[in-house]
Protein backbone atom coordinates (compact mmCIF):
# COMPACT_ATOMS: atom_id res chain seq x y z
CA MET A 1 -0.01 -0.47 0.01
CA ALA A 2 1.59 3.88 -0.43
CA LYS A 3 2.48 6.12 1.58
CA PHE A 4 0.49 9.15 1.91
CA VAL A 5 2.43 12.45 1.50
CA TYR A 6 1.01 15.90 1.20
CA LYS A 7 2.93 18.43 -0.36
CA GLY A 8 5.89 16.36 0.21
CA LYS A 9 5.54 15.49 3.54
CA ASP A 10 4.66 12.09 4.71
CA ASP A 11 1.72 11.33 7.63
CA GLU A 12 4.23 11.35 10.07
CA GLU A 13 5.99 14.67 8.95
CA LEU A 14 2.40 16.04 9.05
CA ARG A 15 1.50 15.55 12.36
CA LYS A 16 3.91 17.52 14.39
CA MET A 17 3.76 19.87 12.50
CA GLY A 18 2.26 23.23 13.61
CA ILE A 19 -0.55 24.58 12.24
CA ASP A 20 2.50 27.89 10.98
CA GLU A 21 3.89 25.25 9.41
CA PHE A 22 1.19 23.70 7.90
CA MET A 23 0.22 27.50 6.37
CA LYS A 24 2.35 27.67 4.54
CA ILE A 25 2.13 24.52 2.32
CA VAL A 26 -1.37 24.75 1.85
CA PRO A 27 -3.24 26.64 -1.46
CA SER A 28 -3.33 30.52 -0.95
CA ARG A 29 -7.50 30.39 -0.19
CA GLN A 30 -7.06 28.30 3.16
CA ARG A 31 -3.78 29.79 4.05
CA ARG A 32 -5.34 33.10 3.95
CA SER A 33 -8.20 32.14 5.56
CA LEU A 34 -5.20 30.63 8.58
CA LYS A 35 -3.15 33.36 8.75
CA ARG A 36 -6.76 35.44 9.95
CA GLY A 37 -7.05 33.97 12.27
CA MET A 38 -9.65 31.17 14.19
CA THR A 39 -12.61 31.90 15.40
CA GLU A 40 -12.92 31.44 19.42
CA VAL A 41 -15.75 28.59 18.02
CA GLN A 42 -12.50 26.78 16.37
CA LYS A 43 -10.23 27.59 18.60
CA LYS A 44 -12.68 25.65 21.08
CA VAL A 45 -12.77 22.86 19.50
CA LEU A 46 -8.99 22.63 18.57
CA ALA A 47 -8.69 22.33 22.42
CA GLU A 48 -10.81 19.50 22.71
CA LEU A 49 -9.67 17.68 20.16
CA ARG A 50 -6.05 18.06 21.44
CA LYS A 51 -7.56 17.44 24.53
CA ASN A 52 -8.89 13.86 23.85
CA PRO A 53 -8.41 12.62 20.96
CA LYS A 54 -10.31 9.89 20.64
CA LYS A 55 -13.82 11.80 21.89
CA PHE A 56 -16.66 12.58 19.98
CA VAL A 57 -16.92 16.89 18.65
CA LYS A 58 -19.81 17.98 17.24
CA VAL A 59 -19.09 21.28 15.35
CA LYS A 60 -21.58 23.20 13.71
CA GLN A 61 -18.95 25.74 12.18
CA ARG A 62 -18.54 23.64 8.67
CA GLY A 63 -16.33 26.08 7.68
CA ILE A 64 -13.29 24.88 9.95
CA ILE A 65 -9.96 23.84 7.77
CA ILE A 66 -8.99 20.71 8.06
CA VAL A 67 -4.93 21.01 9.80
CA PRO A 68 -2.56 18.17 10.78
CA GLU A 69 -3.54 18.05 14.15
CA MET A 70 -6.86 17.06 13.51
CA ILE A 71 -5.89 13.16 11.70
CA GLY A 72 -7.66 10.55 13.06
CA ALA A 73 -10.35 12.99 14.70
CA LYS A 74 -13.40 11.58 15.47
CA ILE A 75 -16.29 14.65 14.24
CA GLY A 76 -19.81 14.94 14.26
CA VAL A 77 -20.58 18.14 11.68
CA TYR A 78 -23.77 19.38 11.06
CA ASN A 79 -25.58 19.36 8.45
CA GLY A 80 -28.56 21.88 8.77
CA LYS A 81 -30.28 18.60 10.50
CA GLU A 82 -28.74 16.02 12.03
CA PHE A 83 -24.41 15.92 12.86
CA VAL A 84 -23.07 13.73 10.50
CA SER A 85 -20.25 11.18 12.12
CA LEU A 86 -17.07 12.37 10.02
CA ASP A 87 -13.76 10.54 10.26
CA ILE A 88 -10.95 12.52 9.48
CA ARG A 89 -8.22 10.74 7.17
CA PRO A 90 -4.83 12.46 6.02
CA GLU A 91 -6.53 13.11 2.17
CA MET A 92 -9.37 15.65 3.75
CA LEU A 93 -5.99 18.16 5.01
CA GLY A 94 -6.60 21.98 3.84
CA HIS A 95 -10.20 21.06 2.97
CA ARG A 96 -12.81 22.32 4.87
CA LEU A 97 -16.09 19.94 7.30
CA GLY A 98 -18.66 21.20 4.86
CA GLU A 99 -17.42 19.45 2.28
CA PHE A 100 -17.72 15.86 3.22
CA VAL A 101 -20.94 16.76 4.55
CA LEU A 102 -23.80 16.62 2.36
CA THR A 103 -26.98 19.52 3.30
CA ARG A 104 -29.01 18.38 1.05
CA LYS A 105 -29.98 14.48 -0.09
CA GLU A 106 -30.67 12.55 -3.34
CA ILE A 107 -34.28 13.09 -4.68
CA LYS A 108 -35.43 10.06 -6.44
CA HIS A 109 -38.85 11.08 -8.21
CA SER A 110 -41.04 8.00 -8.06
CA SER A 111 -45.48 8.06 -8.30
CA PRO A 112 -47.29 10.66 -6.66
CA GLY A 113 -47.32 11.37 -2.80
CA PHE A 114 -50.48 11.78 -0.46
CA GLY A 115 -52.14 14.74 -1.26
CA ALA A 116 -51.47 14.35 -5.17
CA THR A 117 -54.31 16.80 -7.45
CA ARG A 118 -56.25 14.66 -10.23
CA SER A 119 -54.04 16.28 -12.91
CA SER A 120 -50.33 14.37 -11.34
CA LYS A 121 -52.16 11.23 -10.37
CA TYR A 122 -52.73 10.84 -13.98
CA ILE A 123 -50.45 8.53 -16.01
CA PRO A 124 -50.27 8.49 -19.90
CA LEU A 125 -50.92 4.59 -21.69
CA LYS A 126 -48.83 4.30 -24.79
């Protein structure tokens, strides 16, 4: 199995890396966001993960950028209705939490439901 490498850094190097060092290797949009600093809620989430990385942490902040110290954590990300469990993997580095939890579910159209009008119930026979 191939070892994961992100911008020339392997998994162990990434885990030891601080946010300032990580900021230098992520794309510009994430770098600018990290350079502005984290909000109080984001700092609180990171502090909880540092304290106990195996703990399930619930988060409503979908815009948090995934940093190396989050790898291996279980995070519940809010999709607007419920908290969806998300295991952070090294491939997710530099992305935002909301990218991995969909807010809309897939719609499958089938026969008309309860309370449909007479015209929508009409299905022509060929």
